[in-house]
Amino acid sequence: MSLEARSASLSQRHASIDRELEAEAHRPQPDPAVIAKLKREKLRIKDELKRLRPH
């Protein structure tokens, strides 16, 4: 997988996690464990994207 493809895939997953977090937050009783897990995954992806994208 090329760096561009990997970066695009990670960006899509990052956006998907945003949507999952939004949906979980709007549930009648959001699960704090699910929210924490999603936030950790989102941060991991953000860190990997920073490593892949030269600035």
Protein backbone atom coordinates (compact mmCIF):
# COMPACT_ATOMS: atom_id res chain seq x y z
CA MET A 1 0.00 0.00 0.00
CA SER A 2 1.42 3.38 -0.97
CA LEU A 3 1.80 6.16 1.57
CA GLU A 4 -0.92 8.15 -0.16
CA ALA A 5 -3.34 5.23 -0.02
CA ARG A 6 -2.49 4.53 3.62
CA SER A 7 -2.96 8.19 4.49
CA ALA A 8 -6.32 8.31 2.69
CA SER A 9 -7.47 5.15 4.44
CA LEU A 10 -6.50 6.54 7.83
CA SER A 11 -8.23 9.84 7.09
CA GLN A 12 -11.42 7.98 6.20
CA ARG A 13 -11.23 5.93 9.40
CA HIS A 14 -10.61 9.12 11.41
CA ALA A 15 -13.77 10.67 9.93
CA SER A 16 -15.70 7.45 10.58
CA ILE A 17 -14.67 7.54 14.24
CA ASP A 18 -15.91 11.14 14.44
CA ARG A 19 -19.32 9.96 13.27
CA GLU A 20 -19.29 7.04 15.73
CA LEU A 21 -18.40 9.40 18.59
CA GLU A 22 -21.21 11.76 17.60
CA ALA A 23 -23.71 8.90 17.47
CA GLU A 24 -22.59 7.52 20.83
CA ALA A 25 -22.78 10.98 22.45
CA HIS A 26 -26.40 11.35 21.31
CA ARG A 27 -27.55 8.04 22.75
CA PRO A 28 -29.83 8.27 25.81
CA GLN A 29 -27.08 6.75 27.97
CA PRO A 30 -23.70 7.06 26.24
CA ASP A 31 -21.18 4.42 27.24
CA PRO A 32 -18.07 6.15 28.63
CA ALA A 33 -15.94 3.09 27.87
CA VAL A 34 -16.95 3.13 24.20
CA ILE A 35 -16.28 6.87 23.97
CA ALA A 36 -12.85 6.47 25.58
CA LYS A 37 -11.95 3.60 23.23
CA LEU A 38 -12.99 5.59 20.16
CA LYS A 39 -11.05 8.65 21.32
CA ARG A 40 -7.91 6.57 21.89
CA GLU A 41 -8.22 5.06 18.42
CA LYS A 42 -8.79 8.48 16.87
CA LEU A 43 -5.67 9.83 18.60
CA ARG A 44 -3.61 6.84 17.44
CA ILE A 45 -4.72 7.46 13.86
CA LYS A 46 -3.97 11.18 14.16
CA ASP A 47 -0.45 10.39 15.37
CA GLU A 48 0.12 7.96 12.51
CA LEU A 49 -1.14 10.51 9.98
CA LYS A 50 1.35 13.05 11.36
CA ARG A 51 4.18 10.56 10.85
CA LEU A 52 3.09 9.82 7.28
CA ARG A 53 2.62 13.42 6.16
CA PRO A 54 5.88 15.35 5.89
CA HIS A 55 5.66 18.99 6.99
